[in-house]
Every structure is written in structure tokens, then in C-alpha cells.
Amino acid sequence: MNIFKFGGASLKNSDRFRQVSAIVGAHSANGILVVVSALGKTTNALEKIVASAISQTSFQQELNELISYHKQVCLELGLPDSTWEGVDQLFTELKNAAHQQSANDERYDRIVSFGELISSTLVAAYLLQQGFAVKWIDARDYIKTDDCFREGKILWNETEKCIKKLKGIENKVIVTQGFIGSTLSNQTTTLGREGSDFTAAIFASCLEATSVSIWKDVPGVMTADPKKIADAVVFDELPYKEAAEMTYYGASVIHPKTIKPLANKKIPLFVKCFLDPNLPGTKIHDCKIDKLPPLIVHKENQCLVSCKVVDYTFVDENQIGIIFQALAKLNLRINVMQNSAISFSFCIDYREDKTLKLVEVLSKNFEVYYNANLTLITIKNYDAKTSSEYRAMKGVILEQSSRSTLQVLVKG
């Protein structure tokens, strides 16, 4: 069985649905499981609804716009009334979920999950209409997580038991949702933003799939974001380790957690071009490449936090332990860190609520400063040219290098 994942850009309108059908049709002979994201920018719209629900302000306009958008796609595809009735019922459940009181992160997962539930319903209905033997499944029945909402940790034993129940229906096109799972008590969780790639890898690992293909609107994994660097080129192939490091540093083409379960089972990952399926794309697998060109990753919306000791003692292991414990409790990950004699600085993804809570906690032991609206640029496999260029950039407030990696944190 092969696993295909289609992101929001691959499902943003009716023409893209037709392209999905053509791609599935060309590869479905040996069984295929299709993982889908929410349509277009639906998740962004749902996040606005979450914010309105938490602040107890009206979200009806955003909801109406989402309903109109999905209904238009449904009409353009000529799907039966029964399909829209099912989707409309999901929108009703979404509205009810938004009014249910709970912790913010729990409410986020409950609301945002409807993007994938709705999109998978439409994809399954369209593929069925095109003559495929289709089986729609709810990913929450198969992917089990802890109760760390917005960043659910996979309970692998329970998940594998559930997914292995799918063996026996490999002759159908199975359609399911990316990004979502559930706790053992059936509370909806999400796997982290853009987590549909990880979903595909989970199913692939548990089913021992032949391969995973992620369909993107780019020709493959590139040396940089072509929107930022015009002369970026496509990698023909990459070793698992190199791909994993790329995602760790923030390369958005693949979700960071995707590589490990595939590498463990030596399942190849293909990053393919949705707009031109005949392009070879990039193959990520167990291989060795002697010399790779510099890979440049921009990670925006960063925050630099600096903790200065208050009694002029040196920063030691105990003080660093206090900082790491606070980060762990808030489920925050360090992207780069640096210390001097009396201070310890680190860069994290900026989420206002968690950042302010972190500053509050650390201020009990340190003098704390933070700067937001920063961009972390990582140059993997840097050479003399890229080293000179990025170290000389304007607005660099932190720089760090190792034998193979250079990182600069830049204002704006």
C-alpha cells in the first residue's frame, strides 16, 4: 500500500479536486491511503473562530464565509445533496463546539479539527463519484495521543493496534484526515500545525507501506524557499538524516516529525509536484551523498529570551536547569541557544500567551528580557560565500556556527 498526502493548496478549489482524482487514479492499483488537510486556508479561518470563541466575540461572519466557500466547491464538483447535508451537519457541530467551555488549547483542537473532517468528507464523496471504491475513516479512531492539546504525543502501541485493523481493506481507496487524533478517552487532539505529513508517516509505519508521497505546489525539496531566494534548486534525493535536520531547523516543506517513523522502517518519502506529477520530485531515503549544496531555511515569528543572573554569579548547571524545566512545562522548544558568563539566551517560536507565562516564571530567578518579531536563518552545509553573506546581514542580534551549520537571528 502507498500513502498519499494532499495539503490545503492541493484542495483549494474544484479544479484541484479533479487533479487529486487524476493522481489517485494513476496510482491506486496496489491500494492507496489518502491523507488530506483542510481546504485552502481553512485552518487559518478556524483559528480566527477559536480566538473569537475564547474572547467571547462573534465569529458568525467567519463561519458563514467558510460555509459559502465549501458549498461552492461542493456545487462545482456536482456532488449530491446528501454530501452537502453531511457537511452542513459538521458545520453545525463546529458551531456547537465553539460554544463549549474548556481550556484554550483543548478548545482549539476541538474546533480546528473540523477543517480536516469536512475536507475528507468532500474528497471521499468526489472520489466515489469518479468510480473509485472508497472507504472514509475517522483518523481519531486510529491515531491515539496523550492529552497534550495542540501538540499531541503519539501513543504508539495503541495507535499501531488500531491502524493494523485496516489490513484487509487495502483494495480500496481509504480517505482520512491529517493533523488530528484523539486521547484514550476520545477527546480530539491535534499533532501540531501542518501535522498532516506526520499523519501520513504514522499510517505508513504501522501499515508497513511501500512509500509515502507528499504532494506539494513546489517541484520537490529545494535548497531554499524560492519565494525568498530565486536561484534555489531541487534536490533529486536526500538522506533521512539530512531531511530530518532540515525540518528541525524550520524547513516547512515537511513536518519535523515525519522522517523518524519512516526512517525506522526504511520507507521512502517522495515530495512530488502536484501541479506537474510527471516531475521526478525529491526522494528521501536511506542513501549517502558526499557533498550537498548549502541549504537555507528561514524561520519567522521568533522570540529571543535572555535570562541574566541577578547576583553576578556565573550561569551554572542549576540555573540552566531552572530555565529548561520552565520550558518543558510550557512545551516550548529551543531553536538556538547561547550563554555568556552571567546570562543565558535562547530563541523560541513566539506564542504570546506562552512567552509571557515563561517570562513570568523565569523572572522569579532572573532578570529577563525578550525581543519578538525576529527571523532565524539557518544555513546548513554553509560555504565561504554563504558564511560571509549571512554574517554581514543587517540586523543580526545573535550568531552561532558549528562545523556544518551557521545560524543568524535577525530583526524583522
Protein backbone atom coordinates (compact mmCIF):
# COMPACT_ATOMS: atom_id res chain seq x y z
CA MET A 1 0.00 0.00 0.00
CA ASN A 2 1.10 3.55 -0.77
CA ILE A 3 0.27 6.60 1.35
CA PHE A 4 -0.53 9.90 -0.37
CA LYS A 5 -0.89 13.20 1.44
CA PHE A 6 -2.57 16.23 -0.16
CA GLY A 7 -2.22 19.60 1.56
CA GLY A 8 -4.60 22.53 1.63
CA ALA A 9 -3.15 24.10 -1.53
CA SER A 10 -3.93 20.86 -3.39
CA LEU A 11 -7.60 21.12 -2.38
CA LYS A 12 -8.32 24.82 -2.54
CA ASN A 13 -10.84 24.66 -5.40
CA SER A 14 -12.79 22.27 -7.62
CA ASP A 15 -10.05 22.13 -10.29
CA ARG A 16 -7.59 20.93 -7.66
CA PHE A 17 -10.05 18.20 -6.61
CA ARG A 18 -10.08 16.97 -10.21
CA GLN A 19 -6.28 16.86 -10.20
CA VAL A 20 -6.32 14.86 -6.96
CA SER A 21 -8.67 12.37 -8.61
CA ALA A 22 -6.35 12.05 -11.62
CA ILE A 23 -3.30 11.44 -9.40
CA VAL A 24 -5.14 8.86 -7.28
CA GLY A 25 -6.38 7.13 -10.42
CA ALA A 26 -2.85 6.81 -11.76
CA HIS A 27 -1.56 5.11 -8.60
CA SER A 28 -4.47 3.25 -6.98
CA ALA A 29 -3.91 -0.22 -8.48
CA ASN A 30 -1.97 -1.54 -5.48
CA GLY A 31 -4.06 0.13 -2.80
CA ILE A 32 -3.73 3.66 -1.50
CA LEU A 33 -4.48 5.57 1.69
CA VAL A 34 -5.14 9.27 1.13
CA VAL A 35 -4.46 11.77 3.93
CA VAL A 36 -5.93 15.23 3.40
CA SER A 37 -5.54 18.62 5.02
CA ALA A 38 -8.25 21.25 5.32
CA LEU A 39 -9.20 23.09 2.11
CA GLY A 40 -7.05 26.11 1.21
CA LYS A 41 -6.65 28.49 4.16
CA THR A 42 -9.47 26.94 6.18
CA THR A 43 -7.27 26.26 9.21
CA ASN A 44 -6.34 29.95 9.39
CA ALA A 45 -10.05 30.85 9.34
CA LEU A 46 -10.80 28.29 12.04
CA GLU A 47 -8.04 29.76 14.20
CA LYS A 48 -9.83 33.10 13.98
CA ILE A 49 -13.02 31.39 15.14
CA VAL A 50 -11.08 29.89 18.05
CA ALA A 51 -9.79 33.35 19.02
CA SER A 52 -13.31 34.80 18.85
CA ALA A 53 -14.75 31.93 20.87
CA ILE A 54 -12.14 32.40 23.59
CA SER A 55 -12.69 36.17 23.71
CA GLN A 56 -16.46 35.62 23.58
CA THR A 57 -16.95 37.75 20.48
CA SER A 58 -18.99 36.87 17.40
CA PHE A 59 -17.47 34.51 14.83
CA GLN A 60 -20.59 34.21 12.66
CA GLN A 61 -19.10 36.11 9.71
CA GLU A 62 -16.03 33.84 9.57
CA LEU A 63 -18.26 30.78 9.86
CA ASN A 64 -20.59 32.00 7.09
CA GLU A 65 -17.61 32.60 4.80
CA LEU A 66 -16.31 29.08 5.42
CA ILE A 67 -19.73 27.58 4.75
CA SER A 68 -20.05 29.53 1.47
CA TYR A 69 -16.56 28.53 0.37
CA HIS A 70 -17.11 24.81 0.94
CA LYS A 71 -20.61 24.90 -0.54
CA GLN A 72 -19.27 26.49 -3.72
CA VAL A 73 -16.69 23.70 -4.10
CA CYS A 74 -19.40 21.13 -3.49
CA LEU A 75 -21.64 22.66 -6.16
CA GLU A 76 -18.84 22.98 -8.72
CA LEU A 77 -17.99 19.30 -8.27
CA GLY A 78 -21.63 18.33 -8.78
CA LEU A 79 -21.76 16.36 -5.54
CA PRO A 80 -25.16 15.05 -4.42
CA ASP A 81 -27.34 16.90 -1.91
CA SER A 82 -26.68 14.17 0.65
CA THR A 83 -22.98 15.11 0.67
CA TRP A 84 -23.73 18.73 1.44
CA GLU A 85 -26.21 17.70 4.13
CA GLY A 86 -23.41 15.77 5.85
CA VAL A 87 -21.01 18.70 5.54
CA ASP A 88 -23.65 21.14 6.80
CA GLN A 89 -24.15 18.92 9.84
CA LEU A 90 -20.39 19.12 10.53
CA PHE A 91 -20.60 22.92 10.41
CA THR A 92 -23.45 22.78 12.95
CA GLU A 93 -21.29 20.60 15.20
CA LEU A 94 -18.40 23.05 14.72
CA LYS A 95 -20.57 25.94 15.90
CA ASN A 96 -21.70 23.97 18.94
CA ALA A 97 -18.09 23.02 19.73
CA ALA A 98 -17.06 26.67 19.66
CA HIS A 99 -19.61 27.46 22.37
CA GLN A 100 -18.43 24.68 24.69
CA GLN A 101 -16.31 25.95 27.58
CA SER A 102 -12.91 24.33 28.13
CA ALA A 103 -9.21 25.13 28.37
CA ASN A 104 -7.97 27.19 25.42
CA ASP A 105 -5.76 24.52 23.83
CA GLU A 106 -8.44 21.86 24.23
CA ARG A 107 -10.99 24.14 22.58
CA TYR A 108 -8.51 24.90 19.78
CA ASP A 109 -8.16 21.21 18.90
CA ARG A 110 -11.88 20.58 19.06
CA ILE A 111 -12.70 23.45 16.68
CA VAL A 112 -9.79 23.31 14.23
CA SER A 113 -10.20 19.55 13.64
CA PHE A 114 -13.40 20.24 11.68
CA GLY A 115 -11.34 21.55 8.75
CA GLU A 116 -9.99 18.07 8.04
CA LEU A 117 -13.27 16.29 8.85
CA ILE A 118 -15.07 18.44 6.28
CA SER A 119 -12.38 18.25 3.58
CA SER A 120 -12.06 14.46 3.85
CA THR A 121 -15.83 14.13 3.54
CA LEU A 122 -15.77 16.09 0.29
CA VAL A 123 -12.73 14.24 -1.10
CA ALA A 124 -14.24 10.82 -0.32
CA ALA A 125 -17.56 11.82 -1.93
CA TYR A 126 -15.84 13.13 -5.06
CA LEU A 127 -13.62 10.05 -5.49
CA LEU A 128 -16.68 7.83 -5.01
CA GLN A 129 -18.48 9.84 -7.68
CA GLN A 130 -15.50 9.25 -10.01
CA GLY A 131 -15.92 5.50 -9.68
CA PHE A 132 -13.34 4.61 -7.03
CA ALA A 133 -14.07 2.09 -4.29
CA VAL A 134 -13.74 4.43 -1.32
CA LYS A 135 -13.61 3.90 2.44
CA TRP A 136 -13.77 7.04 4.62
CA ILE A 137 -12.29 6.64 8.10
CA ASP A 138 -12.03 8.95 11.09
CA ALA A 139 -8.34 9.34 11.99
CA ARG A 140 -9.32 9.88 15.63
CA ASP A 141 -10.33 6.21 15.80
CA TYR A 142 -6.82 5.15 14.78
CA ILE A 143 -4.27 7.75 15.95
CA LYS A 144 -4.13 7.82 19.74
CA THR A 145 -2.30 10.52 21.68
CA ASP A 146 -1.76 11.83 25.17
CA ASP A 147 -3.74 14.87 26.34
CA CYS A 148 -1.14 17.46 25.32
CA PHE A 149 -3.56 19.51 23.25
CA ARG A 150 -2.20 21.28 20.14
CA GLU A 151 0.88 19.02 20.23
CA GLY A 152 -0.44 15.53 20.90
CA LYS A 153 2.25 12.92 21.57
CA ILE A 154 1.58 9.62 19.80
CA LEU A 155 0.79 6.56 21.93
CA TRP A 156 2.47 4.20 19.50
CA ASN A 157 1.36 0.85 20.92
CA GLU A 158 -2.32 1.82 20.98
CA THR A 159 -2.07 3.55 17.58
CA GLU A 160 -0.43 0.57 15.91
CA LYS A 161 -3.09 -1.82 17.25
CA CYS A 162 -5.83 0.41 15.86
CA ILE A 163 -4.24 1.01 12.45
CA LYS A 164 -3.46 -2.66 11.87
CA LYS A 165 -7.22 -3.26 11.85
CA LEU A 166 -7.18 -1.62 8.41
CA LYS A 167 -5.31 -4.58 6.92
CA GLY A 168 -7.82 -6.30 4.72
CA ILE A 169 -9.34 -3.24 3.06
CA GLU A 170 -6.16 -2.30 1.15
CA ASN A 171 -8.00 -2.90 -2.13
CA LYS A 172 -9.97 0.32 -1.57
CA VAL A 173 -9.00 3.98 -1.64
CA ILE A 174 -9.00 4.85 2.06
CA VAL A 175 -9.57 8.54 2.77
CA THR A 176 -8.74 10.04 6.15
CA GLN A 177 -7.74 13.28 7.87
CA GLY A 178 -4.30 14.62 8.59
CA PHE A 179 -3.34 16.57 11.70
CA ILE A 180 -5.87 15.06 14.13
CA GLY A 181 -6.07 12.24 16.65
CA SER A 182 -7.72 11.56 19.99
CA THR A 183 -6.90 10.66 23.57
CA LEU A 184 -7.79 7.27 25.05
CA SER A 185 -10.93 8.97 26.40
CA ASN A 186 -11.77 10.12 22.83
CA GLN A 187 -11.05 13.83 23.25
CA THR A 188 -9.95 15.36 19.96
CA THR A 189 -6.29 16.36 19.73
CA THR A 190 -4.07 17.80 17.01
CA LEU A 191 -0.49 16.83 16.21
CA GLY A 192 0.95 20.32 15.75
CA ARG A 193 0.42 22.85 12.97
CA GLU A 194 0.93 21.40 9.49
CA GLY A 195 0.89 17.92 11.07
CA SER A 196 -0.75 16.09 8.15
CA ASP A 197 2.67 14.93 6.87
CA PHE A 198 3.24 13.27 10.24
CA THR A 199 -0.16 11.58 9.99
CA ALA A 200 0.88 10.05 6.67
CA ALA A 201 4.10 8.78 8.24
CA ILE A 202 2.23 7.25 11.19
CA PHE A 203 -0.12 5.29 8.93
CA ALA A 204 2.82 4.26 6.71
CA SER A 205 4.86 2.99 9.64
CA CYS A 206 2.01 1.00 11.20
CA LEU A 207 0.91 -0.47 7.84
CA GLU A 208 4.49 -1.01 6.64
CA ALA A 209 3.61 0.89 3.48
CA THR A 210 5.64 0.75 0.28
CA SER A 211 6.15 4.52 0.23
CA VAL A 212 4.75 7.90 1.24
CA SER A 213 4.19 10.69 -1.30
CA ILE A 214 3.58 14.26 -0.17
CA TRP A 215 2.05 16.32 -2.98
CA LYS A 216 3.07 20.00 -2.89
CA ASP A 217 2.84 23.05 -5.13
CA VAL A 218 6.66 23.05 -5.47
CA PRO A 219 8.77 20.72 -7.67
CA GLY A 220 10.34 18.98 -4.65
CA VAL A 221 12.58 19.75 -1.69
CA MET A 222 14.62 22.81 -2.61
CA THR A 223 17.82 24.39 -1.32
CA ALA A 224 15.77 27.38 -0.12
CA ASP A 225 12.29 28.85 -0.31
CA PRO A 226 12.08 30.01 -3.95
CA LYS A 227 9.93 32.96 -2.84
CA LYS A 228 12.93 34.24 -0.85
CA ILE A 229 15.87 33.01 -2.94
CA ALA A 230 15.28 32.97 -6.68
CA ASP A 231 18.11 30.59 -7.62
CA ALA A 232 17.01 27.77 -5.30
CA VAL A 233 17.31 24.32 -6.88
CA VAL A 234 15.61 20.96 -6.30
CA PHE A 235 17.33 18.06 -4.56
CA ASP A 236 17.00 14.81 -6.53
CA GLU A 237 17.45 12.78 -3.35
CA LEU A 238 18.29 13.29 0.30
CA PRO A 239 19.34 11.02 3.16
CA TYR A 240 16.86 10.68 6.03
CA LYS A 241 19.29 12.40 8.43
CA GLU A 242 19.73 15.47 6.23
CA ALA A 243 15.96 15.80 5.74
CA ALA A 244 15.35 15.42 9.48
CA GLU A 245 17.83 18.19 10.27
CA MET A 246 16.25 20.44 7.64
CA THR A 247 12.85 20.09 9.26
CA TYR A 248 14.30 20.63 12.73
CA TYR A 249 15.68 23.98 11.61
CA GLY A 250 12.30 25.01 10.21
CA ALA A 251 12.11 23.91 6.57
CA SER A 252 8.35 23.97 6.07
CA VAL A 253 8.20 21.59 3.10
CA ILE A 254 7.92 18.62 5.53
CA HIS A 255 6.61 18.47 9.10
CA PRO A 256 9.50 17.90 11.56
CA LYS A 257 8.15 14.64 13.00
CA THR A 258 7.63 12.98 9.62
CA ILE A 259 11.06 11.49 9.00
CA LYS A 260 11.69 9.36 12.10
CA PRO A 261 8.90 6.75 11.74
CA LEU A 262 9.74 6.36 8.03
CA ALA A 263 13.49 6.05 8.58
CA ASN A 264 12.93 3.44 11.29
CA LYS A 265 11.10 1.25 8.77
CA LYS A 266 13.20 2.38 5.76
CA ILE A 267 10.08 3.58 3.95
CA PRO A 268 10.99 6.11 1.21
CA LEU A 269 9.36 9.53 1.22
CA PHE A 270 8.67 11.28 -2.08
CA VAL A 271 8.00 15.01 -2.24
CA LYS A 272 6.15 15.41 -5.54
CA CYS A 273 4.80 18.33 -7.55
CA PHE A 274 1.03 18.43 -7.52
CA LEU A 275 0.93 20.84 -10.46
CA ASP A 276 3.12 18.60 -12.66
CA PRO A 277 3.01 14.98 -11.45
CA ASN A 278 5.47 13.94 -14.18
CA LEU A 279 8.32 15.82 -12.48
CA PRO A 280 10.58 13.44 -10.53
CA GLY A 281 10.40 15.39 -7.28
CA THR A 282 12.70 14.52 -4.37
CA LYS A 283 13.26 11.05 -2.91
CA ILE A 284 14.18 10.92 0.79
CA HIS A 285 15.58 7.53 1.68
CA ASP A 286 18.49 5.56 3.11
CA CYS A 287 21.33 6.89 0.96
CA LYS A 288 24.67 8.67 1.23
CA ILE A 289 25.58 11.87 -0.60
CA ASP A 290 29.15 13.10 -0.21
CA LYS A 291 28.68 16.83 -0.74
CA LEU A 292 25.42 18.72 -0.54
CA PRO A 293 24.98 22.39 -1.51
CA PRO A 294 24.12 24.97 1.17
CA LEU A 295 20.54 24.68 2.37
CA ILE A 296 18.99 27.93 3.62
CA VAL A 297 15.99 27.92 5.95
CA HIS A 298 14.09 30.99 7.15
CA LYS A 299 12.08 30.55 10.35
CA GLU A 300 9.95 33.59 11.11
CA ASN A 301 7.97 34.74 14.16
CA GLN A 302 10.85 34.05 16.53
CA CYS A 303 11.50 35.41 20.01
CA LEU A 304 14.85 35.83 21.77
CA VAL A 305 14.66 35.45 25.54
CA SER A 306 17.65 36.44 27.69
CA CYS A 307 17.97 35.45 31.34
CA LYS A 308 20.56 37.38 33.37
CA VAL A 309 21.60 36.29 36.85
CA VAL A 310 20.73 38.92 39.46
CA ASP A 311 23.61 38.45 41.93
CA TYR A 312 26.54 38.49 39.48
CA THR A 313 27.35 34.83 39.96
CA PHE A 314 28.17 32.85 36.85
CA VAL A 315 25.48 30.93 34.96
CA ASP A 316 25.80 27.31 36.08
CA GLU A 317 24.06 23.99 35.50
CA ASN A 318 21.49 24.56 38.26
CA GLN A 319 20.35 27.86 36.75
CA ILE A 320 20.22 26.38 33.26
CA GLY A 321 18.17 23.52 34.74
CA ILE A 322 15.61 26.03 36.06
CA ILE A 323 15.28 27.51 32.56
CA PHE A 324 14.91 24.14 30.86
CA GLN A 325 12.34 22.97 33.41
CA ALA A 326 10.21 26.07 32.75
CA LEU A 327 10.43 25.48 29.00
CA ALA A 328 9.46 21.83 29.36
CA LYS A 329 6.41 22.62 31.49
CA LEU A 330 5.15 25.01 28.82
CA ASN A 331 6.03 22.59 25.98
CA LEU A 332 8.34 25.13 24.36
CA ARG A 333 11.32 24.09 22.22
CA ILE A 334 14.60 25.97 21.89
CA ASN A 335 15.63 26.70 18.29
CA VAL A 336 19.07 28.11 19.16
CA MET A 337 20.79 28.99 22.45
CA GLN A 338 23.87 30.84 23.64
CA ASN A 339 25.34 31.72 27.00
CA SER A 340 27.87 34.16 28.48
CA ALA A 341 29.28 34.31 31.99
CA ILE A 342 26.19 35.89 33.54
CA SER A 343 23.38 35.34 31.02
CA PHE A 344 21.69 32.58 29.04
CA SER A 345 19.84 33.44 25.81
CA PHE A 346 17.63 31.24 23.68
CA CYS A 347 15.33 31.56 20.70
CA ILE A 348 11.82 30.04 20.60
CA ASP A 349 8.76 30.21 18.36
CA TYR A 350 6.74 33.21 19.53
CA ARG A 351 3.35 32.42 21.01
CA GLU A 352 2.32 35.41 23.06
CA ASP A 353 0.44 33.57 25.82
CA LYS A 354 3.17 31.00 26.43
CA THR A 355 6.01 33.50 26.06
CA LEU A 356 4.53 35.87 28.64
CA LYS A 357 3.94 32.95 31.01
CA LEU A 358 7.55 31.84 30.53
CA VAL A 359 8.85 35.35 31.26
CA GLU A 360 6.69 35.45 34.39
CA VAL A 361 8.06 32.13 35.66
CA LEU A 362 11.71 32.90 34.88
CA SER A 363 11.51 36.38 36.42
CA LYS A 364 11.38 34.71 39.86
CA ASN A 365 15.05 33.76 39.43
CA PHE A 366 16.45 36.00 36.68
CA GLU A 367 16.35 39.43 35.12
CA VAL A 368 14.51 38.59 31.89
CA TYR A 369 14.39 40.40 28.55
CA TYR A 370 12.78 39.34 25.30
CA ASN A 371 12.61 40.51 21.68
CA ALA A 372 9.88 39.34 19.28
CA ASN A 373 9.38 39.71 15.51
CA LEU A 374 12.69 38.05 14.68
CA THR A 375 13.73 35.68 11.88
CA LEU A 376 16.10 32.77 12.44
CA ILE A 377 18.11 31.94 9.30
CA THR A 378 19.90 28.59 9.24
CA ILE A 379 22.49 27.75 6.58
CA LYS A 380 23.13 24.01 6.59
CA ASN A 381 26.31 22.91 4.80
CA TYR A 382 27.46 26.55 4.60
CA ASP A 383 30.46 27.52 2.49
CA ALA A 384 32.72 30.58 2.43
CA LYS A 385 30.31 32.57 0.24
CA THR A 386 27.16 31.97 2.32
CA SER A 387 29.09 32.39 5.57
CA SER A 388 30.34 35.81 4.54
CA GLU A 389 26.98 36.88 3.12
CA TYR A 390 24.79 35.98 6.11
CA ARG A 391 27.21 37.10 8.81
CA ALA A 392 27.25 40.53 7.15
CA MET A 393 23.45 40.91 7.10
CA LYS A 394 21.93 43.99 8.72
CA GLY A 395 20.09 43.50 11.99
CA VAL A 396 21.90 40.36 13.21
CA ILE A 397 21.50 40.15 17.01
CA LEU A 398 22.78 36.61 17.51
CA GLU A 399 25.15 34.43 15.51
CA GLN A 400 26.24 30.85 16.05
CA SER A 401 28.12 28.31 13.95
CA SER A 402 29.29 24.72 14.08
CA ARG A 403 31.30 22.68 11.56
CA SER A 404 28.37 22.35 9.18
CA THR A 405 25.68 24.81 10.30
CA LEU A 406 25.53 28.60 10.62
CA GLN A 407 22.60 30.36 12.29
CA VAL A 408 21.86 34.08 12.48
CA LEU A 409 18.95 35.69 14.28
CA VAL A 410 17.83 38.86 12.52
CA LYS A 411 15.47 41.69 13.42
CA GLY A 412 12.33 41.92 11.28
